[in-house]
PDB file of N, CA and C in Angstrom:
ATOM      1  N   MET A   1      34.113 107.642  22.575  1.00  0.00           N
ATOM      2  CA  MET A   1      33.281 108.155  21.495  1.00  0.00           C
ATOM      3  C   MET A   1      33.181 107.074  20.421  1.00  0.00           C
ATOM      4  N   ALA A   2      31.980 106.855  19.927  1.00  0.00           N
ATOM      5  CA  ALA A   2      31.748 105.880  18.866  1.00  0.00           C
ATOM      6  C   ALA A   2      31.204 106.598  17.635  1.00  0.00           C
ATOM      7  N   LEU A   3      31.264 105.912  16.516  1.00  0.00           N
ATOM      8  CA  LEU A   3      30.709 106.423  15.263  1.00  0.00           C
ATOM      9  C   LEU A   3      29.464 105.624  14.923  1.00  0.00           C
ATOM     10  N   PHE A   4      28.462 106.318  14.421  1.00  0.00           N
ATOM     11  CA  PHE A   4      27.193 105.694  14.078  1.00  0.00           C
ATOM     12  C   PHE A   4      26.791 106.089  12.670  1.00  0.00           C
ATOM     13  N   GLU A   5      26.216 105.134  11.957  1.00  0.00           N
ATOM     14  CA  GLU A   5      25.583 105.426  10.674  1.00  0.00           C
ATOM     15  C   GLU A   5      24.136 104.989  10.806  1.00  0.00           C
ATOM     16  N   VAL A   6      23.234 105.906  10.532  1.00  0.00           N
ATOM     17  CA  VAL A   6      21.807 105.628  10.668  1.00  0.00           C
ATOM     18  C   VAL A   6      21.107 105.981   9.371  1.00  0.00           C
ATOM     19  N   SER A   7      20.243 105.076   8.946  1.00  0.00           N
ATOM     20  CA  SER A   7      19.386 105.328   7.790  1.00  0.00           C
ATOM     21  C   SER A   7      17.953 105.094   8.231  1.00  0.00           C
ATOM     22  N   VAL A   8      17.126 106.110   8.138  1.00  0.00           N
ATOM     23  CA  VAL A   8      15.715 106.030   8.522  1.00  0.00           C
ATOM     24  C   VAL A   8      14.888 106.105   7.247  1.00  0.00           C
ATOM     25  N   VAL A   9      14.121 105.057   6.975  1.00  0.00           N
ATOM     26  CA  VAL A   9      13.333 104.997   5.750  1.00  0.00           C
ATOM     27  C   VAL A   9      11.858 104.821   6.108  1.00  0.00           C
ATOM     28  N   PRO A  10      11.061 105.869   5.895  1.00  0.00           N
ATOM     29  CA  PRO A  10       9.626 105.743   6.147  1.00  0.00           C
ATOM     30  C   PRO A  10       8.952 104.949   5.027  1.00  0.00           C
ATOM     31  N   ILE A  11       8.038 104.104   5.400  1.00  0.00           N
ATOM     32  CA  ILE A  11       7.276 103.298   4.447  1.00  0.00           C
ATOM     33  C   ILE A  11       5.797 103.563   4.715  1.00  0.00           C
ATOM     34  N   GLY A  12       4.995 103.540   3.675  1.00  0.00           N
ATOM     35  CA  GLY A  12       3.571 103.785   3.868  1.00  0.00           C
ATOM     36  C   GLY A  12       3.258 105.259   3.967  1.00  0.00           C
ATOM     37  N   THR A  13       3.923 106.044   3.118  1.00  0.00           N
ATOM     38  CA  THR A  13       3.667 107.481   3.079  1.00  0.00           C
ATOM     39  C   THR A  13       2.862 107.804   1.823  1.00  0.00           C
ATOM     40  N   SER A  14       2.392 109.016   1.734  1.00  0.00           N
ATOM     41  CA  SER A  14       1.571 109.416   0.589  1.00  0.00           C
ATOM     42  C   SER A  14       2.410 109.829  -0.618  1.00  0.00           C
ATOM     43  N   THR A  15       3.750 109.779  -0.492  1.00  0.00           N
ATOM     44  CA  THR A  15       4.625 110.223  -1.567  1.00  0.00           C
ATOM     45  C   THR A  15       5.886 109.364  -1.599  1.00  0.00           C
ATOM     46  N   THR A  16       6.534 109.334  -2.753  1.00  0.00           N
ATOM     47  CA  THR A  16       7.810 108.621  -2.833  1.00  0.00           C
ATOM     48  C   THR A  16       8.969 109.478  -2.346  1.00  0.00           C
ATOM     49  N   SER A  17       8.759 110.760  -2.199  1.00  0.00           N
ATOM     50  CA  SER A  17       9.790 111.673  -1.697  1.00  0.00           C
ATOM     51  C   SER A  17       9.847 111.561  -0.174  1.00  0.00           C
ATOM     52  N   ILE A  18      11.053 111.347   0.367  1.00  0.00           N
ATOM     53  CA  ILE A  18      11.168 111.190   1.818  1.00  0.00           C
ATOM     54  C   ILE A  18      12.082 112.240   2.455  1.00  0.00           C
ATOM     55  N   GLY A  19      12.449 113.264   1.698  1.00  0.00           N
ATOM     56  CA  GLY A  19      13.368 114.280   2.204  1.00  0.00           C
ATOM     57  C   GLY A  19      12.900 114.961   3.480  1.00  0.00           C
ATOM     58  N   ASP A  20      11.613 115.252   3.590  1.00  0.00           N
ATOM     59  CA  ASP A  20      11.105 115.901   4.804  1.00  0.00           C
ATOM     60  C   ASP A  20      11.242 114.979   6.018  1.00  0.00           C
ATOM     61  N   TYR A  21      11.024 113.688   5.806  1.00  0.00           N
ATOM     62  CA  TYR A  21      11.169 112.713   6.892  1.00  0.00           C
ATOM     63  C   TYR A  21      12.630 112.647   7.353  1.00  0.00           C
ATOM     64  N   ILE A  22      13.532 112.638   6.380  1.00  0.00           N
ATOM     65  CA  ILE A  22      14.952 112.579   6.706  1.00  0.00           C
ATOM     66  C   ILE A  22      15.380 113.846   7.446  1.00  0.00           C
ATOM     67  N   ALA A  23      14.913 114.988   6.981  1.00  0.00           N
ATOM     68  CA  ALA A  23      15.248 116.250   7.656  1.00  0.00           C
ATOM     69  C   ALA A  23      14.782 116.227   9.112  1.00  0.00           C
ATOM     70  N   ASP A  24      13.603 115.674   9.364  1.00  0.00           N
ATOM     71  CA  ASP A  24      13.118 115.573  10.748  1.00  0.00           C
ATOM     72  C   ASP A  24      14.047 114.699  11.591  1.00  0.00           C
ATOM     73  N   ALA A  25      14.511 113.592  11.023  1.00  0.00           N
ATOM     74  CA  ALA A  25      15.403 112.694  11.758  1.00  0.00           C
ATOM     75  C   ALA A  25      16.738 113.371  12.039  1.00  0.00           C
ATOM     76  N   VAL A  26      17.283 114.047  11.055  1.00  0.00           N
ATOM     77  CA  VAL A  26      18.575 114.725  11.229  1.00  0.00           C
ATOM     78  C   VAL A  26      18.445 115.884  12.218  1.00  0.00           C
ATOM     79  N   GLN A  27      17.290 116.520  12.253  1.00  0.00           N
ATOM     80  CA  GLN A  27      17.084 117.626  13.194  1.00  0.00           C
ATOM     81  C   GLN A  27      17.265 117.166  14.630  1.00  0.00           C
ATOM     82  N   VAL A  28      16.952 115.907  14.909  1.00  0.00           N
ATOM     83  CA  VAL A  28      17.173 115.351  16.252  1.00  0.00           C
ATOM     84  C   VAL A  28      18.644 115.488  16.631  1.00  0.00           C
ATOM     85  N   LEU A  29      19.541 115.176  15.701  1.00  0.00           N
ATOM     86  CA  LEU A  29      20.973 115.282  15.968  1.00  0.00           C
ATOM     87  C   LEU A  29      21.404 116.737  16.102  1.00  0.00           C
ATOM     88  N   ALA A  30      20.882 117.577  15.230  1.00  0.00           N
ATOM     89  CA  ALA A  30      21.220 119.006  15.289  1.00  0.00           C
ATOM     90  C   ALA A  30      20.801 119.591  16.638  1.00  0.00           C
ATOM     91  N   ASP A  31      19.600 119.246  17.080  1.00  0.00           N
ATOM     92  CA  ASP A  31      19.099 119.752  18.364  1.00  0.00           C
ATOM     93  C   ASP A  31      19.941 119.254  19.540  1.00  0.00           C
ATOM     94  N   ALA A  32      20.499 118.051  19.402  1.00  0.00           N
ATOM     95  CA  ALA A  32      21.325 117.480  20.473  1.00  0.00           C
ATOM     96  C   ALA A  32      22.750 118.026  20.464  1.00  0.00           C
ATOM     97  N   GLY A  33      23.136 118.712  19.392  1.00  0.00           N
ATOM     98  CA  GLY A  33      24.457 119.299  19.312  1.00  0.00           C
ATOM     99  C   GLY A  33      25.578 118.314  19.029  1.00  0.00           C
ATOM    100  N   VAL A  34      25.246 117.148  18.464  1.00  0.00           N
ATOM    101  CA  VAL A  34      26.299 116.183  18.136  1.00  0.00           C
ATOM    102  C   VAL A  34      26.842 116.471  16.738  1.00  0.00           C
ATOM    103  N   SER A  35      28.076 116.055  16.506  1.00  0.00           N
ATOM    104  CA  SER A  35      28.699 116.224  15.199  1.00  0.00           C
ATOM    105  C   SER A  35      28.120 115.174  14.242  1.00  0.00           C
ATOM    106  N   TYR A  36      27.622 115.619  13.077  1.00  0.00           N
ATOM    107  CA  TYR A  36      27.025 114.686  12.130  1.00  0.00           C
ATOM    108  C   TYR A  36      27.324 115.112  10.704  1.00  0.00           C
ATOM    109  N   GLU A  37      27.192 114.144   9.789  1.00  0.00           N
ATOM    110  CA  GLU A  37      27.318 114.388   8.356  1.00  0.00           C
ATOM    111  C   GLU A  37      26.215 113.617   7.650  1.00  0.00           C
ATOM    112  N   VAL A  38      25.526 114.289   6.755  1.00  0.00           N
ATOM    113  CA  VAL A  38      24.479 113.648   5.965  1.00  0.00           C
ATOM    114  C   VAL A  38      25.086 113.198   4.645  1.00  0.00           C
ATOM    115  N   SER A  39      24.820 111.958   4.269  1.00  0.00           N
ATOM    116  CA  SER A  39      25.250 111.460   2.964  1.00  0.00           C
ATOM    117  C   SER A  39      24.005 111.093   2.163  1.00  0.00           C
ATOM    118  N   ALA A  40      24.206 110.659   0.952  1.00  0.00           N
ATOM    119  CA  ALA A  40      23.068 110.299   0.101  1.00  0.00           C
ATOM    120  C   ALA A  40      22.311 109.079   0.617  1.00  0.00           C
ATOM    121  N   MET A  41      22.953 108.265   1.438  1.00  0.00           N
ATOM    122  CA  MET A  41      22.342 107.011   1.859  1.00  0.00           C
ATOM    123  C   MET A  41      22.159 106.869   3.367  1.00  0.00           C
ATOM    124  N   GLY A  42      22.562 107.851   4.125  1.00  0.00           N
ATOM    125  CA  GLY A  42      22.428 107.756   5.573  1.00  0.00           C
ATOM    126  C   GLY A  42      23.063 108.953   6.248  1.00  0.00           C
ATOM    127  N   THR A  43      23.067 108.916   7.552  1.00  0.00           N
ATOM    128  CA  THR A  43      23.630 109.993   8.353  1.00  0.00           C
ATOM    129  C   THR A  43      24.654 109.404   9.308  1.00  0.00           C
ATOM    130  N   LEU A  44      25.840 110.000   9.334  1.00  0.00           N
ATOM    131  CA  LEU A  44      26.901 109.599  10.251  1.00  0.00           C
ATOM    132  C   LEU A  44      26.933 110.580  11.405  1.00  0.00           C
ATOM    133  N   PHE A  45      27.201 110.058  12.614  1.00  0.00           N
ATOM    134  CA  PHE A  45      27.394 110.976  13.733  1.00  0.00           C
ATOM    135  C   PHE A  45      28.297 110.358  14.783  1.00  0.00           C
ATOM    136  N   GLU A  46      28.835 111.218  15.629  1.00  0.00           N
ATOM    137  CA  GLU A  46      29.757 110.836  16.690  1.00  0.00           C
ATOM    138  C   GLU A  46      29.086 111.077  18.035  1.00  0.00           C
ATOM    139  N   ALA A  47      29.154 110.067  18.898  1.00  0.00           N
ATOM    140  CA  ALA A  47      28.575 110.205  20.231  1.00  0.00           C
ATOM    141  C   ALA A  47      28.983 109.003  21.064  1.00  0.00           C
ATOM    142  N   GLY A  48      28.767 109.099  22.350  1.00  0.00           N
ATOM    143  CA  GLY A  48      28.914 107.935  23.205  1.00  0.00           C
ATOM    144  C   GLY A  48      27.719 107.006  22.978  1.00  0.00           C
ATOM    145  N   VAL A  49      27.922 105.730  23.225  1.00  0.00           N
ATOM    146  CA  VAL A  49      26.844 104.761  22.976  1.00  0.00           C
ATOM    147  C   VAL A  49      25.614 105.080  23.818  1.00  0.00           C
ATOM    148  N   LYS A  50      25.808 105.401  25.079  1.00  0.00           N
ATOM    149  CA  LYS A  50      24.666 105.709  25.959  1.00  0.00           C
ATOM    150  C   LYS A  50      23.907 106.938  25.493  1.00  0.00           C
ATOM    151  N   GLU A  51      24.617 107.888  24.898  1.00  0.00           N
ATOM    152  CA  GLU A  51      23.981 109.104  24.365  1.00  0.00           C
ATOM    153  C   GLU A  51      23.295 108.818  23.030  1.00  0.00           C
ATOM    154  N   ALA A  52      23.925 107.976  22.206  1.00  0.00           N
ATOM    155  CA  ALA A  52      23.454 107.769  20.841  1.00  0.00           C
ATOM    156  C   ALA A  52      22.174 106.959  20.741  1.00  0.00           C
ATOM    157  N   LEU A  53      22.039 105.924  21.547  1.00  0.00           N
ATOM    158  CA  LEU A  53      20.884 105.041  21.385  1.00  0.00           C
ATOM    159  C   LEU A  53      19.546 105.764  21.587  1.00  0.00           C
ATOM    160  N   PRO A  54      19.410 106.628  22.589  1.00  0.00           N
ATOM    161  CA  PRO A  54      18.170 107.404  22.685  1.00  0.00           C
ATOM    162  C   PRO A  54      17.961 108.358  21.502  1.00  0.00           C
ATOM    163  N   LEU A  55      19.059 108.902  20.966  1.00  0.00           N
ATOM    164  CA  LEU A  55      18.940 109.780  19.798  1.00  0.00           C
ATOM    165  C   LEU A  55      18.441 108.998  18.583  1.00  0.00           C
ATOM    166  N   ILE A  56      18.965 107.801  18.399  1.00  0.00           N
ATOM    167  CA  ILE A  56      18.522 106.959  17.283  1.00  0.00           C
ATOM    168  C   ILE A  56      17.045 106.628  17.422  1.00  0.00           C
ATOM    169  N   GLN A  57      16.612 106.351  18.636  1.00  0.00           N
ATOM    170  CA  GLN A  57      15.190 106.088  18.859  1.00  0.00           C
ATOM    171  C   GLN A  57      14.354 107.310  18.479  1.00  0.00           C
ATOM    172  N   LYS A  58      14.803 108.505  18.837  1.00  0.00           N
ATOM    173  CA  LYS A  58      14.078 109.733  18.479  1.00  0.00           C
ATOM    174  C   LYS A  58      14.071 109.943  16.966  1.00  0.00           C
ATOM    175  N   MET A  59      15.174 109.621  16.295  1.00  0.00           N
ATOM    176  CA  MET A  59      15.231 109.733  14.835  1.00  0.00           C
ATOM    177  C   MET A  59      14.201 108.803  14.202  1.00  0.00           C
ATOM    178  N   HIS A  60      14.138 107.590  14.696  1.00  0.00           N
ATOM    179  CA  HIS A  60      13.192 106.588  14.196  1.00  0.00           C
ATOM    180  C   HIS A  60      11.743 107.062  14.424  1.00  0.00           C
ATOM    181  N   GLU A  61      11.472 107.562  15.612  1.00  0.00           N
ATOM    182  CA  GLU A  61      10.123 108.016  15.958  1.00  0.00           C
ATOM    183  C   GLU A  61       9.700 109.259  15.178  1.00  0.00           C
ATOM    184  N   ALA A  62      10.671 110.059  14.741  1.00  0.00           N
ATOM    185  CA  ALA A  62      10.346 111.285  14.003  1.00  0.00           C
ATOM    186  C   ALA A  62       9.551 110.980  12.739  1.00  0.00           C
ATOM    187  N   ALA A  63       9.847 109.871  12.085  1.00  0.00           N
ATOM    188  CA  ALA A  63       9.111 109.510  10.870  1.00  0.00           C
ATOM    189  C   ALA A  63       7.666 109.157  11.193  1.00  0.00           C
ATOM    190  N   PHE A  64       7.437 108.496  12.301  1.00  0.00           N
ATOM    191  CA  PHE A  64       6.063 108.189  12.714  1.00  0.00           C
ATOM    192  C   PHE A  64       5.296 109.466  13.045  1.00  0.00           C
ATOM    193  N   LYS A  65       5.973 110.400  13.695  1.00  0.00           N
ATOM    194  CA  LYS A  65       5.318 111.665  14.044  1.00  0.00           C
ATOM    195  C   LYS A  65       4.875 112.421  12.804  1.00  0.00           C
ATOM    196  N   ARG A  66       5.610 112.257  11.698  1.00  0.00           N
ATOM    197  CA  ARG A  66       5.251 112.924  10.445  1.00  0.00           C
ATOM    198  C   ARG A  66       4.138 112.170   9.715  1.00  0.00           C
ATOM    199  N   GLY A  67       3.833 110.944  10.141  1.00  0.00           N
ATOM    200  CA  GLY A  67       2.719 110.226   9.540  1.00  0.00           C
ATOM    201  C   GLY A  67       3.048 108.914   8.850  1.00  0.00           C
ATOM    202  N   ALA A  68       4.290 108.491   8.869  1.00  0.00           N
ATOM    203  CA  ALA A  68       4.632 107.204   8.257  1.00  0.00           C
ATOM    204  C   ALA A  68       3.906 106.085   9.002  1.00  0.00           C
ATOM    205  N   GLN A  69       3.489 105.085   8.278  1.00  0.00           N
ATOM    206  CA  GLN A  69       2.805 103.940   8.869  1.00  0.00           C
ATOM    207  C   GLN A  69       3.783 102.825   9.251  1.00  0.00           C
ATOM    208  N   ARG A  70       4.971 102.891   8.680  1.00  0.00           N
ATOM    209  CA  ARG A  70       6.008 101.895   8.943  1.00  0.00           C
ATOM    210  C   ARG A  70       7.356 102.578   8.742  1.00  0.00           C
ATOM    211  N   VAL A  71       8.345 102.215   9.562  1.00  0.00           N
ATOM    212  CA  VAL A  71       9.669 102.829   9.458  1.00  0.00           C
ATOM    213  C   VAL A  71      10.730 101.734   9.559  1.00  0.00           C
ATOM    214  N   LEU A  72      11.640 101.748   8.607  1.00  0.00           N
ATOM    215  CA  LEU A  72      12.772 100.823   8.599  1.00  0.00           C
ATOM    216  C   LEU A  72      14.033 101.630   8.888  1.00  0.00           C
ATOM    217  N   SER A  73      14.663 101.347  10.019  1.00  0.00           N
ATOM    218  CA  SER A  73      15.900 102.052  10.384  1.00  0.00           C
ATOM    219  C   SER A  73      17.037 101.050  10.444  1.00  0.00           C
ATOM    220  N   THR A  74      18.145 101.432   9.820  1.00  0.00           N
ATOM    221  CA  THR A  74      19.356 100.615   9.822  1.00  0.00           C
ATOM    222  C   THR A  74      20.420 101.353  10.618  1.00  0.00           C
ATOM    223  N   ILE A  75      21.101 100.629  11.503  1.00  0.00           N
ATOM    224  CA  ILE A  75      22.091 101.232  12.384  1.00  0.00           C
ATOM    225  C   ILE A  75      23.403 100.463  12.267  1.00  0.00           C
ATOM    226  N   VAL A  76      24.493 101.194  12.072  1.00  0.00           N
ATOM    227  CA  VAL A  76      25.834 100.621  12.107  1.00  0.00           C
ATOM    228  C   VAL A  76      26.593 101.353  13.204  1.00  0.00           C
ATOM    229  N   ILE A  77      27.225 100.588  14.099  1.00  0.00           N
ATOM    230  CA  ILE A  77      27.974 101.178  15.205  1.00  0.00           C
ATOM    231  C   ILE A  77      29.434 100.758  15.093  1.00  0.00           C
ATOM    232  N   ASP A  78      30.330 101.729  15.106  1.00  0.00           N
ATOM    233  CA  ASP A  78      31.773 101.483  15.146  1.00  0.00           C
ATOM    234  C   ASP A  78      32.266 102.008  16.490  1.00  0.00           C
ATOM    235  N   ASP A  79      32.420 101.116  17.436  1.00  0.00           N
ATOM    236  CA  ASP A  79      32.792 101.479  18.807  1.00  0.00           C
ATOM    237  C   ASP A  79      34.188 100.943  19.072  1.00  0.00           C
ATOM    238  N   ARG A  80      35.189 101.736  18.754  1.00  0.00           N
ATOM    239  CA  ARG A  80      36.585 101.324  18.898  1.00  0.00           C
ATOM    240  C   ARG A  80      37.102 101.750  20.263  1.00  0.00           C
ATOM    241  N   ARG A  81      37.669 100.808  20.997  1.00  0.00           N
ATOM    242  CA  ARG A  81      38.108 101.088  22.363  1.00  0.00           C
ATOM    243  C   ARG A  81      39.615 101.241  22.502  1.00  0.00           C
ATOM    244  N   ASP A  82      40.393 100.840  21.486  1.00  0.00           N
ATOM    245  CA  ASP A  82      41.845 100.909  21.622  1.00  0.00           C
ATOM    246  C   ASP A  82      42.403 102.295  21.321  1.00  0.00           C
ATOM    247  N   LYS A  83      41.667 103.094  20.537  1.00  0.00           N
ATOM    248  CA  LYS A  83      42.086 104.467  20.280  1.00  0.00           C
ATOM    249  C   LYS A  83      40.874 105.272  19.821  1.00  0.00           C
ATOM    250  N   GLY A  84      40.957 106.561  20.007  1.00  0.00           N
ATOM    251  CA  GLY A  84      39.858 107.428  19.607  1.00  0.00           C
ATOM    252  C   GLY A  84      39.832 107.634  18.099  1.00  0.00           C
ATOM    253  N   VAL A  85      38.660 107.583  17.521  1.00  0.00           N
ATOM    254  CA  VAL A  85      38.491 107.863  16.097  1.00  0.00           C
ATOM    255  C   VAL A  85      37.334 108.831  15.913  1.00  0.00           C
ATOM    256  N   THR A  86      37.395 109.544  14.815  1.00  0.00           N
ATOM    257  CA  THR A  86      36.311 110.451  14.442  1.00  0.00           C
ATOM    258  C   THR A  86      35.961 110.178  12.983  1.00  0.00           C
ATOM    259  N   MET A  87      34.896 110.771  12.519  1.00  0.00           N
ATOM    260  CA  MET A  87      34.529 110.636  11.110  1.00  0.00           C
ATOM    261  C   MET A  87      35.682 111.128  10.234  1.00  0.00           C
ATOM    262  N   LYS A  88      36.239 112.273  10.589  1.00  0.00           N
ATOM    263  CA  LYS A  88      37.327 112.858   9.795  1.00  0.00           C
ATOM    264  C   LYS A  88      38.593 112.009   9.838  1.00  0.00           C
ATOM    265  N   SER A  89      38.909 111.455  10.991  1.00  0.00           N
ATOM    266  CA  SER A  89      40.145 110.664  11.085  1.00  0.00           C
ATOM    267  C   SER A  89      40.054 109.384  10.275  1.00  0.00           C
ATOM    268  N   LYS A  90      38.871 108.790  10.208  1.00  0.00           N
ATOM    269  CA  LYS A  90      38.726 107.563   9.410  1.00  0.00           C
ATOM    270  C   LYS A  90      38.871 107.852   7.915  1.00  0.00           C
ATOM    271  N   VAL A  91      38.295 108.947   7.459  1.00  0.00           N
ATOM    272  CA  VAL A  91      38.409 109.325   6.045  1.00  0.00           C
ATOM    273  C   VAL A  91      39.857 109.686   5.730  1.00  0.00           C
ATOM    274  N   ALA A  92      40.482 110.429   6.615  1.00  0.00           N
ATOM    275  CA  ALA A  92      41.878 110.818   6.394  1.00  0.00           C
ATOM    276  C   ALA A  92      42.785 109.594   6.319  1.00  0.00           C
ATOM    277  N   SER A  93      42.522 108.589   7.116  1.00  0.00           N
ATOM    278  CA  SER A  93      43.315 107.365   7.099  1.00  0.00           C
ATOM    279  C   SER A  93      43.232 106.662   5.744  1.00  0.00           C
ATOM    280  N   VAL A  94      42.049 106.577   5.188  1.00  0.00           N
ATOM    281  CA  VAL A  94      41.886 105.938   3.874  1.00  0.00           C
ATOM    282  C   VAL A  94      42.564 106.771   2.791  1.00  0.00           C
ATOM    283  N   LYS A  95      42.386 108.083   2.830  1.00  0.00           N
ATOM    284  CA  LYS A  95      43.016 108.956   1.825  1.00  0.00           C
ATOM    285  C   LYS A  95      44.539 108.864   1.889  1.00  0.00           C
ATOM    286  N   ARG A  96      45.075 108.787   3.093  1.00  0.00           N
ATOM    287  CA  ARG A  96      46.521 108.648   3.259  1.00  0.00           C
ATOM    288  C   ARG A  96      47.006 107.348   2.612  1.00  0.00           C
ATOM    289  N   ARG A  97      46.284 106.282   2.799  1.00  0.00           N
ATOM    290  CA  ARG A  97      46.640 105.000   2.197  1.00  0.00           C
ATOM    291  C   ARG A  97      46.529 105.047   0.679  1.00  0.00           C
ATOM    292  N   LEU A  98      45.534 105.731   0.166  1.00  0.00           N
ATOM    293  CA  LEU A  98      45.378 105.865  -1.284  1.00  0.00           C
ATOM    294  C   LEU A  98      46.556 106.622  -1.892  1.00  0.00           C
ATOM    295  N   ARG A  99      47.001 107.671  -1.213  1.00  0.00           N
ATOM    296  CA  ARG A  99      48.159 108.435  -1.700  1.00  0.00           C
ATOM    297  C   ARG A  99      49.428 107.571  -1.746  1.00  0.00           C
ATOM    298  N   ARG A 100      49.507 106.604  -0.838  1.00  0.00           N
ATOM    299  CA  ARG A 100      50.672 105.717  -0.802  1.00  0.00           C
ATOM    300  C   ARG A 100      50.540 104.554  -1.789  1.00  0.00           C
ATOM    301  N   GLY A 101      49.433 104.489  -2.514  1.00  0.00           N
ATOM    302  CA  GLY A 101      49.264 103.446  -3.517  1.00  0.00           C
ATOM    303  C   GLY A 101      48.808 102.107  -2.974  1.00  0.00           C
ATOM    304  N   ARG A 102      48.133 102.105  -1.842  1.00  0.00           N
ATOM    305  CA  ARG A 102      47.686 100.848  -1.252  1.00  0.00           C
ATOM    306  C   ARG A 102      46.266 100.490  -1.637  1.00  0.00           C
ATOM    307  N   SER A 103      45.748 101.138  -2.665  1.00  0.00           N
ATOM    308  CA  SER A 103      44.373 100.853  -3.079  1.00  0.00           C
ATOM    309  C   SER A 103      44.292  99.665  -4.018  1.00  0.00           C
ATOM    310  N   LYS A 104      45.428  99.074  -4.392  1.00  0.00           N
ATOM    311  CA  LYS A 104      45.459  97.948  -5.341  1.00  0.00           C
ATOM    312  C   LYS A 104      45.134  96.643  -4.671  1.00  0.00           C
TER     313      LYS A 104
END
């Protein structure tokens, strides 16, 4: 299982508001049943690489289907092979370190 961060930004739309475009992209993940979290700057999700890449393509295409003339998508992949990680385990690891005073 790998972790992905995807940001889909439609360009060339009739409005500066892009929430509907983002909702369409996130709906792709919801429909696929993968675990995801939406943040202010992107969407995180957990999946295998072979499963995720087609989903990312569908997320990117969703903005075009809504009418965007150009779409900029940014993808970050964290594919760790030595041990399993999840979105929650990575956050918990940082919080644990902060409690121990290692944030200095």
